[in-house]
């Protein structure tokens, strides 16, 4: 299992937060989530 987040909800547009120490995979996963939220 892999934890992904934080995912912010309730905003007018999708916005998410990544830590400075995140990996490239973390960035790709968050991009996919943000794109899905924007639909």
PDB file of N, CA and C in Angstrom:
ATOM      1  N   UNK A   1       0.845  -1.187   0.000  1.00  0.00           N
ATOM      2  CA  UNK A   1       0.000   0.000   0.000  1.00  0.00           C
ATOM      3  C   UNK A   1       0.880   1.235   0.000  1.00  0.00           C
ATOM      4  N   UNK A   2       0.349   2.277  -0.588  1.00  0.00           N
ATOM      5  CA  UNK A   2       1.096   3.529  -0.654  1.00  0.00           C
ATOM      6  C   UNK A   2       0.163   4.675  -0.290  1.00  0.00           C
ATOM      7  N   UNK A   3       0.600   5.526   0.609  1.00  0.00           N
ATOM      8  CA  UNK A   3      -0.182   6.697   0.998  1.00  0.00           C
ATOM      9  C   UNK A   3       0.101   7.831   0.028  1.00  0.00           C
ATOM     10  N   UNK A   4      -0.951   8.496  -0.420  1.00  0.00           N
ATOM     11  CA  UNK A   4      -0.812   9.640  -1.321  1.00  0.00           C
ATOM     12  C   UNK A   4      -1.604  10.788  -0.711  1.00  0.00           C
ATOM     13  N   UNK A   5      -1.003  11.937  -0.633  1.00  0.00           N
ATOM     14  CA  UNK A   5      -1.739  13.074  -0.097  1.00  0.00           C
ATOM     15  C   UNK A   5      -0.795  14.109   0.461  1.00  0.00           C
ATOM     16  N   UNK A   6      -1.257  15.145   1.039  1.00  0.00           N
ATOM     17  CA  UNK A   6      -2.657  15.439   1.270  1.00  0.00           C
ATOM     18  C   UNK A   6      -3.359  15.910  -0.005  1.00  0.00           C
ATOM     19  N   UNK A   7      -4.620  15.555  -0.116  1.00  0.00           N
ATOM     20  CA  UNK A   7      -5.461  15.995  -1.218  1.00  0.00           C
ATOM     21  C   UNK A   7      -6.431  17.010  -0.625  1.00  0.00           C
ATOM     22  N   UNK A   8      -6.394  18.223  -1.112  1.00  0.00           N
ATOM     23  CA  UNK A   8      -7.242  19.293  -0.596  1.00  0.00           C
ATOM     24  C   UNK A   8      -8.585  19.261  -1.309  1.00  0.00           C
ATOM     25  N   UNK A   9      -9.668  19.428  -0.576  1.00  0.00           N
ATOM     26  CA  UNK A   9     -11.005  19.408  -1.160  1.00  0.00           C
ATOM     27  C   UNK A   9     -11.759  20.659  -0.759  1.00  0.00           C
ATOM     28  N   UNK A  10     -12.782  21.003  -1.545  1.00  0.00           N
ATOM     29  CA  UNK A  10     -13.634  22.132  -1.226  1.00  0.00           C
ATOM     30  C   UNK A  10     -13.165  23.453  -1.810  1.00  0.00           C
ATOM     31  N   UNK A  11     -12.140  23.421  -2.641  1.00  0.00           N
ATOM     32  CA  UNK A  11     -11.649  24.640  -3.275  1.00  0.00           C
ATOM     33  C   UNK A  11     -12.292  24.800  -4.649  1.00  0.00           C
ATOM     34  N   UNK A  12     -12.267  26.010  -5.192  1.00  0.00           N
ATOM     35  CA  UNK A  12     -12.860  26.260  -6.507  1.00  0.00           C
ATOM     36  C   UNK A  12     -12.130  25.501  -7.610  1.00  0.00           C
ATOM     37  N   UNK A  13     -10.834  25.310  -7.445  1.00  0.00           N
ATOM     38  CA  UNK A  13     -10.023  24.584  -8.421  1.00  0.00           C
ATOM     39  C   UNK A  13      -9.172  23.565  -7.680  1.00  0.00           C
ATOM     40  N   UNK A  14      -8.780  22.480  -8.363  1.00  0.00           N
ATOM     41  CA  UNK A  14      -7.975  21.462  -7.682  1.00  0.00           C
ATOM     42  C   UNK A  14      -6.605  21.992  -7.261  1.00  0.00           C
ATOM     43  N   UNK A  15      -6.210  21.666  -6.058  1.00  0.00           N
ATOM     44  CA  UNK A  15      -4.889  22.042  -5.546  1.00  0.00           C
ATOM     45  C   UNK A  15      -4.446  20.958  -4.574  1.00  0.00           C
ATOM     46  N   UNK A  16      -3.207  20.548  -4.685  1.00  0.00           N
ATOM     47  CA  UNK A  16      -2.663  19.514  -3.811  1.00  0.00           C
ATOM     48  C   UNK A  16      -1.271  19.929  -3.362  1.00  0.00           C
ATOM     49  N   UNK A  17      -0.764  19.250  -2.362  1.00  0.00           N
ATOM     50  CA  UNK A  17       0.491  19.643  -1.734  1.00  0.00           C
ATOM     51  C   UNK A  17       1.465  18.472  -1.727  1.00  0.00           C
ATOM     52  N   UNK A  18       2.711  18.750  -2.067  1.00  0.00           N
ATOM     53  CA  UNK A  18       3.773  17.742  -2.008  1.00  0.00           C
ATOM     54  C   UNK A  18       4.886  18.251  -1.101  1.00  0.00           C
ATOM     55  N   UNK A  19       5.525  17.347  -0.392  1.00  0.00           N
ATOM     56  CA  UNK A  19       6.646  17.742   0.455  1.00  0.00           C
ATOM     57  C   UNK A  19       7.906  17.895  -0.390  1.00  0.00           C
ATOM     58  N   UNK A  20       8.871  18.594   0.126  1.00  0.00           N
ATOM     59  CA  UNK A  20      10.134  18.792  -0.597  1.00  0.00           C
ATOM     60  C   UNK A  20      10.879  17.490  -0.820  1.00  0.00           C
ATOM     61  N   UNK A  21      10.686  16.534   0.045  1.00  0.00           N
ATOM     62  CA  UNK A  21      11.407  15.273  -0.041  1.00  0.00           C
ATOM     63  C   UNK A  21      10.678  14.194  -0.834  1.00  0.00           C
ATOM     64  N   UNK A  22       9.655  14.577  -1.595  1.00  0.00           N
ATOM     65  CA  UNK A  22       8.897  13.567  -2.328  1.00  0.00           C
ATOM     66  C   UNK A  22       9.696  13.021  -3.511  1.00  0.00           C
ATOM     67  N   UNK A  23       9.310  11.841  -3.940  1.00  0.00           N
ATOM     68  CA  UNK A  23       9.988  11.198  -5.070  1.00  0.00           C
ATOM     69  C   UNK A  23       9.300  11.580  -6.379  1.00  0.00           C
ATOM     70  N   UNK A  24       9.929  11.223  -7.486  1.00  0.00           N
ATOM     71  CA  UNK A  24       9.334  11.473  -8.799  1.00  0.00           C
ATOM     72  C   UNK A  24       8.014  10.719  -8.936  1.00  0.00           C
ATOM     73  N   UNK A  25       7.937   9.522  -8.373  1.00  0.00           N
ATOM     74  CA  UNK A  25       6.683   8.764  -8.412  1.00  0.00           C
ATOM     75  C   UNK A  25       5.575   9.486  -7.648  1.00  0.00           C
ATOM     76  N   UNK A  26       5.922  10.106  -6.523  1.00  0.00           N
ATOM     77  CA  UNK A  26       4.937  10.882  -5.764  1.00  0.00           C
ATOM     78  C   UNK A  26       4.384  12.022  -6.614  1.00  0.00           C
ATOM     79  N   UNK A  27       5.256  12.697  -7.342  1.00  0.00           N
ATOM     80  CA  UNK A  27       4.832  13.801  -8.210  1.00  0.00           C
ATOM     81  C   UNK A  27       3.888  13.276  -9.291  1.00  0.00           C
ATOM     82  N   UNK A  28       4.249  12.175  -9.930  1.00  0.00           N
ATOM     83  CA  UNK A  28       3.406  11.616 -10.988  1.00  0.00           C
ATOM     84  C   UNK A  28       2.041  11.190 -10.462  1.00  0.00           C
ATOM     85  N   UNK A  29       2.008  10.574  -9.281  1.00  0.00           N
ATOM     86  CA  UNK A  29       0.726  10.166  -8.703  1.00  0.00           C
ATOM     87  C   UNK A  29      -0.142  11.384  -8.395  1.00  0.00           C
ATOM     88  N   UNK A  30       0.457  12.423  -7.848  1.00  0.00           N
ATOM     89  CA  UNK A  30      -0.326  13.608  -7.504  1.00  0.00           C
ATOM     90  C   UNK A  30      -0.809  14.332  -8.757  1.00  0.00           C
ATOM     91  N   UNK A  31      -0.004  14.321  -9.826  1.00  0.00           N
ATOM     92  CA  UNK A  31      -0.448  14.899 -11.100  1.00  0.00           C
ATOM     93  C   UNK A  31      -1.683  14.156 -11.596  1.00  0.00           C
ATOM     94  N   UNK A  32      -1.653  12.833 -11.539  1.00  0.00           N
ATOM     95  CA  UNK A  32      -2.793  12.035 -11.997  1.00  0.00           C
ATOM     96  C   UNK A  32      -4.044  12.340 -11.178  1.00  0.00           C
ATOM     97  N   UNK A  33      -3.893  12.476  -9.875  1.00  0.00           N
ATOM     98  CA  UNK A  33      -5.036  12.794  -9.016  1.00  0.00           C
ATOM     99  C   UNK A  33      -5.577  14.183  -9.339  1.00  0.00           C
ATOM    100  N   UNK A  34      -4.693  15.156  -9.515  1.00  0.00           N
ATOM    101  CA  UNK A  34      -5.113  16.526  -9.795  1.00  0.00           C
ATOM    102  C   UNK A  34      -5.819  16.620 -11.140  1.00  0.00           C
ATOM    103  N   UNK A  35      -5.307  15.923 -12.149  1.00  0.00           N
ATOM    104  CA  UNK A  35      -5.959  15.906 -13.466  1.00  0.00           C
ATOM    105  C   UNK A  35      -7.355  15.306 -13.342  1.00  0.00           C
ATOM    106  N   UNK A  36      -7.483  14.247 -12.576  1.00  0.00           N
ATOM    107  CA  UNK A  36      -8.787  13.621 -12.387  1.00  0.00           C
ATOM    108  C   UNK A  36      -9.750  14.565 -11.666  1.00  0.00           C
ATOM    109  N   UNK A  37      -9.259  15.322 -10.705  1.00  0.00           N
ATOM    110  CA  UNK A  37     -10.108  16.278  -9.984  1.00  0.00           C
ATOM    111  C   UNK A  37     -10.559  17.410 -10.902  1.00  0.00           C
ATOM    112  N   UNK A  38      -9.747  17.770 -11.887  1.00  0.00           N
ATOM    113  CA  UNK A  38     -10.049  18.897 -12.762  1.00  0.00           C
ATOM    114  C   UNK A  38     -11.133  18.561 -13.786  1.00  0.00           C
ATOM    115  N   UNK A  39     -11.426  17.293 -13.963  1.00  0.00           N
ATOM    116  CA  UNK A  39     -12.438  16.887 -14.957  1.00  0.00           C
ATOM    117  C   UNK A  39     -13.826  17.218 -14.494  1.00  0.00           C
TER     118      UNK A  39
END
